[in-house]
Amino acid sequence: EEHRRLTLRERTYRDLLVGASRAVGGDEALVHVVEAARRLLDANRAKIYLPDADGRVLRNVAQSGAVAVPVLDIAVDAPDSLIARCFRGGRVERVADYGELDTPLAARVRANHT
């Protein structure tokens, strides 16, 4: 099983490099990156957000997999946004349950489930 997983990761990495080398524009390269990331992480969806020119808004520039809600821009200073929080802090965060987050939105989610 571990060998199969490593082989899949190596093949995904190779596909990513081949796709990036074939990409004409930056947008096409980002599509290859987000699809490779989704496969490597065995996720059902993945998105890439980049800041706009003013650095005030994060825009979804590429996505792969299932998208359950419309993709909206996110204010960099949005207190309830996990994406904005990761961007501001420069660190990756893993969330198993969004209801455990310490934000006003998470408190409302918890209140609706009790």
N, C-alpha and C. Protein backbone atom coordinates (compact mmCIF):
# COMPACT_ATOMS: atom_id res chain seq x y z
N GLU A 1 0.83 -1.19 0.00
CA GLU A 1 0.00 0.00 0.00
C GLU A 1 0.88 1.25 0.00
N GLU A 2 1.89 1.27 0.84
CA GLU A 2 2.78 2.43 0.91
C GLU A 2 3.51 2.64 -0.41
N HIS A 3 3.95 1.55 -1.03
CA HIS A 3 4.64 1.65 -2.33
C HIS A 3 3.70 2.22 -3.39
N ARG A 4 2.45 1.76 -3.39
CA ARG A 4 1.47 2.26 -4.36
C ARG A 4 1.24 3.76 -4.16
N ARG A 5 1.17 4.18 -2.90
CA ARG A 5 0.94 5.60 -2.59
C ARG A 5 2.13 6.44 -3.04
N LEU A 6 3.35 5.95 -2.79
CA LEU A 6 4.54 6.67 -3.24
C LEU A 6 4.60 6.75 -4.75
N THR A 7 4.27 5.66 -5.42
CA THR A 7 4.26 5.66 -6.88
C THR A 7 3.24 6.66 -7.40
N LEU A 8 2.07 6.70 -6.80
CA LEU A 8 1.04 7.66 -7.20
C LEU A 8 1.53 9.09 -6.98
N ARG A 9 2.19 9.34 -5.86
CA ARG A 9 2.73 10.69 -5.60
C ARG A 9 3.79 11.06 -6.62
N GLU A 10 4.67 10.13 -6.94
CA GLU A 10 5.71 10.41 -7.93
C GLU A 10 5.10 10.68 -9.30
N ARG A 11 4.09 9.91 -9.66
CA ARG A 11 3.43 10.11 -10.95
C ARG A 11 2.70 11.46 -10.97
N THR A 12 2.06 11.82 -9.86
CA THR A 12 1.37 13.10 -9.77
C THR A 12 2.37 14.25 -9.87
N TYR A 13 3.50 14.12 -9.19
CA TYR A 13 4.54 15.15 -9.26
C TYR A 13 5.05 15.29 -10.70
N ARG A 14 5.28 14.17 -11.37
CA ARG A 14 5.74 14.21 -12.76
C ARG A 14 4.70 14.88 -13.65
N ASP A 15 3.42 14.50 -13.46
CA ASP A 15 2.35 15.10 -14.24
C ASP A 15 2.27 16.61 -14.01
N LEU A 16 2.48 17.01 -12.77
CA LEU A 16 2.48 18.43 -12.46
C LEU A 16 3.58 19.17 -13.22
N LEU A 17 4.78 18.60 -13.20
CA LEU A 17 5.89 19.25 -13.90
C LEU A 17 5.67 19.28 -15.41
N VAL A 18 5.16 18.19 -15.96
CA VAL A 18 4.88 18.16 -17.40
C VAL A 18 3.81 19.19 -17.74
N GLY A 19 2.75 19.23 -16.95
CA GLY A 19 1.68 20.20 -17.19
C GLY A 19 2.17 21.62 -17.08
N ALA A 20 2.99 21.89 -16.07
CA ALA A 20 3.52 23.25 -15.90
C ALA A 20 4.43 23.63 -17.05
N SER A 21 5.23 22.70 -17.53
CA SER A 21 6.12 23.02 -18.64
C SER A 21 5.35 23.27 -19.94
N ARG A 22 4.17 22.65 -20.08
CA ARG A 22 3.35 22.84 -21.27
C ARG A 22 2.48 24.08 -21.18
N ALA A 23 2.29 24.59 -19.98
CA ALA A 23 1.36 25.71 -19.78
C ALA A 23 1.87 26.96 -20.49
N VAL A 24 0.96 27.58 -21.21
CA VAL A 24 1.30 28.80 -21.93
C VAL A 24 1.15 30.00 -21.00
N GLY A 25 0.04 30.05 -20.28
CA GLY A 25 -0.21 31.17 -19.38
C GLY A 25 -0.17 30.73 -17.95
N GLY A 26 -0.13 31.72 -17.04
CA GLY A 26 -0.09 31.43 -15.62
C GLY A 26 -1.34 30.74 -15.12
N ASP A 27 -2.50 31.10 -15.67
CA ASP A 27 -3.75 30.49 -15.22
C ASP A 27 -3.77 29.00 -15.48
N GLU A 28 -3.28 28.59 -16.62
CA GLU A 28 -3.25 27.16 -16.95
C GLU A 28 -2.31 26.42 -15.99
N ALA A 29 -1.20 27.04 -15.65
CA ALA A 29 -0.26 26.42 -14.71
C ALA A 29 -0.92 26.24 -13.34
N LEU A 30 -1.69 27.23 -12.91
CA LEU A 30 -2.37 27.13 -11.61
C LEU A 30 -3.39 26.00 -11.59
N VAL A 31 -4.07 25.78 -12.70
CA VAL A 31 -5.02 24.66 -12.79
C VAL A 31 -4.29 23.34 -12.59
N HIS A 32 -3.12 23.19 -13.21
CA HIS A 32 -2.34 21.96 -13.03
C HIS A 32 -1.89 21.82 -11.58
N VAL A 33 -1.48 22.91 -10.97
CA VAL A 33 -1.02 22.86 -9.57
C VAL A 33 -2.15 22.45 -8.64
N VAL A 34 -3.32 23.07 -8.78
CA VAL A 34 -4.42 22.76 -7.87
C VAL A 34 -4.92 21.34 -8.07
N GLU A 35 -4.94 20.85 -9.30
CA GLU A 35 -5.36 19.47 -9.52
C GLU A 35 -4.36 18.48 -8.94
N ALA A 36 -3.08 18.76 -9.09
CA ALA A 36 -2.06 17.88 -8.52
C ALA A 36 -2.12 17.89 -6.99
N ALA A 37 -2.33 19.07 -6.42
CA ALA A 37 -2.43 19.17 -4.95
C ALA A 37 -3.62 18.38 -4.44
N ARG A 38 -4.75 18.48 -5.12
CA ARG A 38 -5.95 17.75 -4.70
C ARG A 38 -5.70 16.24 -4.71
N ARG A 39 -5.03 15.76 -5.76
CA ARG A 39 -4.74 14.32 -5.85
C ARG A 39 -3.73 13.90 -4.77
N LEU A 40 -2.69 14.70 -4.57
CA LEU A 40 -1.68 14.35 -3.57
C LEU A 40 -2.27 14.29 -2.16
N LEU A 41 -3.19 15.20 -1.88
CA LEU A 41 -3.80 15.26 -0.55
C LEU A 41 -5.02 14.35 -0.42
N ASP A 42 -5.38 13.69 -1.52
CA ASP A 42 -6.55 12.82 -1.55
C ASP A 42 -7.78 13.58 -1.06
N ALA A 43 -7.91 14.83 -1.55
CA ALA A 43 -9.02 15.70 -1.15
C ALA A 43 -10.12 15.65 -2.20
N ASN A 44 -11.35 15.94 -1.78
CA ASN A 44 -12.43 15.97 -2.75
C ASN A 44 -12.50 17.31 -3.47
N ARG A 45 -11.83 18.34 -2.94
CA ARG A 45 -11.74 19.62 -3.64
C ARG A 45 -10.50 20.39 -3.16
N ALA A 46 -10.04 21.28 -4.03
CA ALA A 46 -8.91 22.15 -3.69
C ALA A 46 -9.09 23.46 -4.44
N LYS A 47 -8.61 24.54 -3.83
CA LYS A 47 -8.71 25.86 -4.44
C LYS A 47 -7.42 26.62 -4.18
N ILE A 48 -7.11 27.54 -5.08
CA ILE A 48 -5.98 28.44 -4.90
C ILE A 48 -6.53 29.86 -4.86
N TYR A 49 -6.19 30.58 -3.81
CA TYR A 49 -6.56 31.98 -3.68
C TYR A 49 -5.29 32.82 -3.73
N LEU A 50 -5.33 33.93 -4.46
CA LEU A 50 -4.21 34.87 -4.52
C LEU A 50 -4.72 36.27 -4.23
N PRO A 51 -3.88 37.10 -3.61
CA PRO A 51 -4.32 38.47 -3.31
C PRO A 51 -4.41 39.31 -4.58
N ASP A 52 -5.33 40.28 -4.56
CA ASP A 52 -5.44 41.20 -5.68
C ASP A 52 -4.27 42.19 -5.62
N ALA A 53 -4.22 43.10 -6.57
CA ALA A 53 -3.10 44.05 -6.66
C ALA A 53 -2.96 44.91 -5.41
N ASP A 54 -4.08 45.25 -4.76
CA ASP A 54 -4.04 46.08 -3.56
C ASP A 54 -3.75 45.27 -2.29
N GLY A 55 -3.83 43.96 -2.40
CA GLY A 55 -3.59 43.10 -1.24
C GLY A 55 -4.72 43.12 -0.23
N ARG A 56 -5.90 43.54 -0.64
CA ARG A 56 -7.04 43.61 0.29
C ARG A 56 -8.03 42.46 0.13
N VAL A 57 -8.01 41.81 -1.05
CA VAL A 57 -8.97 40.76 -1.35
C VAL A 57 -8.25 39.54 -1.89
N LEU A 58 -8.67 38.36 -1.44
CA LEU A 58 -8.16 37.11 -1.98
C LEU A 58 -9.14 36.62 -3.02
N ARG A 59 -8.63 36.33 -4.21
CA ARG A 59 -9.48 35.88 -5.31
C ARG A 59 -9.18 34.42 -5.62
N ASN A 60 -10.24 33.65 -5.85
CA ASN A 60 -10.08 32.26 -6.25
C ASN A 60 -9.63 32.24 -7.71
N VAL A 61 -8.41 31.74 -7.95
CA VAL A 61 -7.85 31.76 -9.30
C VAL A 61 -7.82 30.38 -9.94
N ALA A 62 -8.01 29.32 -9.15
CA ALA A 62 -8.04 27.96 -9.70
C ALA A 62 -8.71 27.06 -8.68
N GLN A 63 -9.43 26.05 -9.19
CA GLN A 63 -10.06 25.08 -8.31
C GLN A 63 -10.18 23.75 -9.01
N SER A 64 -10.31 22.71 -8.21
CA SER A 64 -10.42 21.36 -8.74
C SER A 64 -11.32 20.55 -7.83
N GLY A 65 -12.11 19.67 -8.42
CA GLY A 65 -12.96 18.79 -7.63
C GLY A 65 -14.33 19.38 -7.37
N ALA A 66 -15.00 18.81 -6.38
CA ALA A 66 -16.36 19.21 -6.04
C ALA A 66 -16.38 20.60 -5.43
N VAL A 67 -17.27 21.43 -5.91
CA VAL A 67 -17.44 22.77 -5.34
C VAL A 67 -18.89 22.86 -4.88
N ALA A 68 -19.07 22.95 -3.56
CA ALA A 68 -20.42 22.91 -2.99
C ALA A 68 -21.11 24.27 -2.99
N VAL A 69 -20.34 25.34 -2.96
CA VAL A 69 -20.90 26.69 -2.90
C VAL A 69 -20.24 27.57 -3.95
N PRO A 70 -20.89 28.65 -4.34
CA PRO A 70 -20.25 29.56 -5.29
C PRO A 70 -18.94 30.10 -4.70
N VAL A 71 -17.97 30.30 -5.55
CA VAL A 71 -16.68 30.79 -5.10
C VAL A 71 -16.73 32.31 -5.06
N LEU A 72 -16.49 32.88 -3.89
CA LEU A 72 -16.53 34.32 -3.70
C LEU A 72 -15.16 34.84 -3.33
N ASP A 73 -14.94 36.12 -3.60
CA ASP A 73 -13.72 36.76 -3.13
C ASP A 73 -13.78 36.86 -1.61
N ILE A 74 -12.61 36.90 -0.98
CA ILE A 74 -12.54 36.94 0.48
C ILE A 74 -11.69 38.13 0.88
N ALA A 75 -12.21 38.97 1.77
CA ALA A 75 -11.42 40.09 2.29
C ALA A 75 -10.28 39.53 3.12
N VAL A 76 -9.09 40.08 2.95
CA VAL A 76 -7.92 39.60 3.69
C VAL A 76 -8.12 39.74 5.19
N ASP A 77 -8.86 40.76 5.61
CA ASP A 77 -9.06 40.97 7.05
C ASP A 77 -10.34 40.33 7.59
N ALA A 78 -10.97 39.43 6.81
CA ALA A 78 -12.21 38.76 7.25
C ALA A 78 -11.93 37.90 8.48
N PRO A 79 -12.60 38.19 9.61
CA PRO A 79 -12.31 37.45 10.84
C PRO A 79 -12.80 36.01 10.83
N ASP A 80 -13.85 35.71 10.06
CA ASP A 80 -14.43 34.36 10.04
C ASP A 80 -13.83 33.46 8.98
N SER A 81 -12.93 33.96 8.16
CA SER A 81 -12.42 33.18 7.04
C SER A 81 -11.14 32.44 7.40
N LEU A 82 -11.21 31.12 7.30
CA LEU A 82 -10.02 30.31 7.53
C LEU A 82 -8.97 30.60 6.46
N ILE A 83 -9.42 30.80 5.23
CA ILE A 83 -8.48 31.09 4.13
C ILE A 83 -7.75 32.39 4.40
N ALA A 84 -8.48 33.43 4.80
CA ALA A 84 -7.84 34.72 5.10
C ALA A 84 -6.90 34.60 6.30
N ARG A 85 -7.31 33.83 7.30
CA ARG A 85 -6.46 33.65 8.48
C ARG A 85 -5.15 32.96 8.11
N CYS A 86 -5.22 31.95 7.25
CA CYS A 86 -4.00 31.27 6.80
C CYS A 86 -3.12 32.24 6.01
N PHE A 87 -3.74 33.05 5.17
CA PHE A 87 -2.98 34.02 4.37
C PHE A 87 -2.29 35.04 5.28
N ARG A 88 -3.03 35.59 6.23
CA ARG A 88 -2.46 36.60 7.14
C ARG A 88 -1.32 36.02 7.97
N GLY A 89 -1.51 34.80 8.46
CA GLY A 89 -0.50 34.19 9.33
C GLY A 89 0.63 33.50 8.59
N GLY A 90 0.42 33.23 7.30
CA GLY A 90 1.45 32.54 6.53
C GLY A 90 1.65 31.09 6.93
N ARG A 91 0.64 30.51 7.58
CA ARG A 91 0.75 29.12 8.04
C ARG A 91 -0.44 28.31 7.57
N VAL A 92 -0.21 27.04 7.32
CA VAL A 92 -1.26 26.11 6.94
C VAL A 92 -2.00 25.69 8.20
N GLU A 93 -3.30 25.52 8.08
CA GLU A 93 -4.10 25.03 9.19
C GLU A 93 -4.95 23.86 8.71
N ARG A 94 -5.11 22.88 9.56
CA ARG A 94 -5.98 21.74 9.25
C ARG A 94 -7.20 21.84 10.15
N VAL A 95 -8.37 21.74 9.56
CA VAL A 95 -9.59 21.82 10.32
C VAL A 95 -10.41 20.57 10.06
N ALA A 96 -10.67 19.81 11.12
CA ALA A 96 -11.49 18.62 10.98
C ALA A 96 -12.97 18.96 11.16
N ASP A 97 -13.24 20.02 11.92
CA ASP A 97 -14.62 20.43 12.19
C ASP A 97 -14.65 21.95 12.27
N TYR A 98 -15.29 22.58 11.29
CA TYR A 98 -15.34 24.04 11.27
C TYR A 98 -16.04 24.60 12.50
N GLY A 99 -16.87 23.83 13.15
CA GLY A 99 -17.54 24.28 14.36
C GLY A 99 -16.61 24.49 15.53
N GLU A 100 -15.40 23.95 15.45
CA GLU A 100 -14.42 24.11 16.54
C GLU A 100 -13.62 25.40 16.42
N LEU A 101 -13.75 26.12 15.31
CA LEU A 101 -13.01 27.36 15.14
C LEU A 101 -13.48 28.40 16.15
N ASP A 102 -12.59 29.28 16.55
CA ASP A 102 -12.90 30.32 17.52
C ASP A 102 -13.20 31.63 16.78
N THR A 103 -14.35 31.67 16.13
CA THR A 103 -14.78 32.87 15.39
C THR A 103 -16.26 33.06 15.63
N PRO A 104 -16.79 34.26 15.39
CA PRO A 104 -18.24 34.46 15.54
C PRO A 104 -19.06 33.53 14.65
N LEU A 105 -18.60 33.30 13.42
CA LEU A 105 -19.34 32.41 12.53
C LEU A 105 -19.39 30.99 13.10
N ALA A 106 -18.26 30.52 13.63
CA ALA A 106 -18.24 29.17 14.22
C ALA A 106 -19.18 29.07 15.40
N ALA A 107 -19.26 30.15 16.20
CA ALA A 107 -20.19 30.15 17.34
C ALA A 107 -21.63 30.01 16.85
N ARG A 108 -21.98 30.68 15.75
CA ARG A 108 -23.33 30.55 15.20
C ARG A 108 -23.57 29.15 14.69
N VAL A 109 -22.55 28.53 14.06
CA VAL A 109 -22.69 27.17 13.58
C VAL A 109 -22.94 26.22 14.75
N ARG A 110 -22.17 26.37 15.84
CA ARG A 110 -22.38 25.52 17.01
C ARG A 110 -23.77 25.71 17.60
N ALA A 111 -24.25 26.94 17.64
CA ALA A 111 -25.58 27.23 18.20
C ALA A 111 -26.68 26.55 17.38
N ASN A 112 -26.48 26.44 16.08
CA ASN A 112 -27.49 25.82 15.22
C ASN A 112 -27.49 24.29 15.35
N HIS A 113 -26.43 23.71 15.89
CA HIS A 113 -26.34 22.25 16.00
C HIS A 113 -26.69 21.74 17.40
N THR A 114 -27.11 22.62 18.28
CA THR A 114 -27.42 22.16 19.64
C THR A 114 -28.91 22.15 19.88
